[in-house]
Amino acid sequence: MSNENSRLKNVKILREKKGWTQEKLAQEAGISYQTLIKIEHGGIKNPRMETLIKIARVLEVSIDKIIEY
């Protein structure tokens, strides 16, 4: 995983803290399961802001908590 992609590693950490599966987070956020997998594993280098907002909202955190610079 490159440094660019690793900045989104907090999505997985925050999801696991809630005890949610990838399927649960994708469903709650209204995004596809495949998109979430790609975000967590670095397959999407620059996810859309709308997607990050959806994820942050359901994880009940600010966007800066899921994006690590």
C-alpha atoms as a PDB file:
ATOM      1  CA  MET A   1       0.000   0.000   0.000  1.00  0.00           C
ATOM      2  CA  SER A   2       1.414   3.349  -0.959  1.00  0.00           C
ATOM      3  CA  ASN A   3       1.583   6.346   1.342  1.00  0.00           C
ATOM      4  CA  GLU A   4      -1.139   8.047  -0.706  1.00  0.00           C
ATOM      5  CA  ASN A   5      -3.560   5.182  -0.107  1.00  0.00           C
ATOM      6  CA  SER A   6      -2.597   4.501   3.487  1.00  0.00           C
ATOM      7  CA  ARG A   7      -4.049   7.860   4.530  1.00  0.00           C
ATOM      8  CA  LEU A   8      -7.501   6.231   4.432  1.00  0.00           C
ATOM      9  CA  LYS A   9      -6.575   3.385   6.805  1.00  0.00           C
ATOM     10  CA  ASN A  10      -8.658   5.002   9.529  1.00  0.00           C
ATOM     11  CA  VAL A  11     -11.862   3.980   7.738  1.00  0.00           C
ATOM     12  CA  LYS A  12     -11.137   0.354   8.598  1.00  0.00           C
ATOM     13  CA  ILE A  13      -9.979   1.177  12.135  1.00  0.00           C
ATOM     14  CA  LEU A  14     -13.097   3.249  12.878  1.00  0.00           C
ATOM     15  CA  ARG A  15     -15.374   0.626  11.321  1.00  0.00           C
ATOM     16  CA  GLU A  16     -13.847  -2.110  13.451  1.00  0.00           C
ATOM     17  CA  LYS A  17     -14.188   0.033  16.608  1.00  0.00           C
ATOM     18  CA  LYS A  18     -17.940   0.141  15.949  1.00  0.00           C
ATOM     19  CA  GLY A  19     -17.925  -3.625  15.516  1.00  0.00           C
ATOM     20  CA  TRP A  20     -19.271  -3.295  11.984  1.00  0.00           C
ATOM     21  CA  THR A  21     -18.538  -5.484   9.002  1.00  0.00           C
ATOM     22  CA  GLN A  22     -17.652  -3.971   5.662  1.00  0.00           C
ATOM     23  CA  GLU A  23     -21.120  -4.947   4.466  1.00  0.00           C
ATOM     24  CA  LYS A  24     -22.764  -3.083   7.359  1.00  0.00           C
ATOM     25  CA  LEU A  25     -20.771   0.098   6.815  1.00  0.00           C
ATOM     26  CA  ALA A  26     -21.413   0.065   3.071  1.00  0.00           C
ATOM     27  CA  GLN A  27     -25.140  -0.420   3.639  1.00  0.00           C
ATOM     28  CA  GLU A  28     -25.397   2.280   6.314  1.00  0.00           C
ATOM     29  CA  ALA A  29     -23.381   4.757   4.232  1.00  0.00           C
ATOM     30  CA  GLY A  30     -25.295   4.029   1.052  1.00  0.00           C
ATOM     31  CA  ILE A  31     -22.191   3.101  -0.918  1.00  0.00           C
ATOM     32  CA  SER A  32     -21.319  -0.094  -2.712  1.00  0.00           C
ATOM     33  CA  TYR A  33     -19.524  -2.857  -0.871  1.00  0.00           C
ATOM     34  CA  GLN A  34     -16.883  -2.942  -3.629  1.00  0.00           C
ATOM     35  CA  THR A  35     -16.214   0.783  -3.220  1.00  0.00           C
ATOM     36  CA  LEU A  36     -15.669   0.368   0.502  1.00  0.00           C
ATOM     37  CA  ILE A  37     -13.294  -2.551  -0.017  1.00  0.00           C
ATOM     38  CA  LYS A  38     -11.288  -0.498  -2.492  1.00  0.00           C
ATOM     39  CA  ILE A  39     -11.137   2.463  -0.100  1.00  0.00           C
ATOM     40  CA  GLU A  40      -9.994   0.296   2.812  1.00  0.00           C
ATOM     41  CA  HIS A  41      -7.384  -1.542   0.750  1.00  0.00           C
ATOM     42  CA  GLY A  42      -6.047   1.430  -1.186  1.00  0.00           C
ATOM     43  CA  GLY A  43      -7.587   0.608  -4.549  1.00  0.00           C
ATOM     44  CA  ILE A  44      -9.135   4.061  -4.802  1.00  0.00           C
ATOM     45  CA  LYS A  45      -6.519   6.762  -4.494  1.00  0.00           C
ATOM     46  CA  ASN A  46      -8.883   9.718  -4.348  1.00  0.00           C
ATOM     47  CA  PRO A  47     -12.415   8.767  -3.341  1.00  0.00           C
ATOM     48  CA  ARG A  48     -15.128  11.301  -4.015  1.00  0.00           C
ATOM     49  CA  MET A  49     -15.750  13.765  -1.208  1.00  0.00           C
ATOM     50  CA  GLU A  50     -19.411  12.752  -1.209  1.00  0.00           C
ATOM     51  CA  THR A  51     -18.383   9.167  -0.429  1.00  0.00           C
ATOM     52  CA  LEU A  52     -16.100  10.260   2.405  1.00  0.00           C
ATOM     53  CA  ILE A  53     -18.861  12.422   3.859  1.00  0.00           C
ATOM     54  CA  LYS A  54     -21.268   9.474   3.835  1.00  0.00           C
ATOM     55  CA  ILE A  55     -18.734   7.252   5.585  1.00  0.00           C
ATOM     56  CA  ALA A  56     -17.840   9.888   8.175  1.00  0.00           C
ATOM     57  CA  ARG A  57     -21.496  10.597   8.883  1.00  0.00           C
ATOM     58  CA  VAL A  58     -22.424   6.995   9.680  1.00  0.00           C
ATOM     59  CA  LEU A  59     -19.229   6.453  11.671  1.00  0.00           C
ATOM     60  CA  GLU A  60     -20.138   9.622  13.595  1.00  0.00           C
ATOM     61  CA  VAL A  61     -16.762  11.271  13.051  1.00  0.00           C
ATOM     62  CA  SER A  62     -15.480  14.274  11.146  1.00  0.00           C
ATOM     63  CA  ILE A  63     -13.827  13.740   7.791  1.00  0.00           C
ATOM     64  CA  ASP A  64     -10.437  14.653   9.233  1.00  0.00           C
ATOM     65  CA  LYS A  65     -10.726  11.569  11.466  1.00  0.00           C
ATOM     66  CA  ILE A  66     -10.921   9.246   8.470  1.00  0.00           C
ATOM     67  CA  ILE A  67      -8.293  11.020   6.386  1.00  0.00           C
ATOM     68  CA  GLU A  68      -4.781  10.849   7.737  1.00  0.00           C
ATOM     69  CA  TYR A  69      -2.169  13.109   6.185  1.00  0.00           C
END
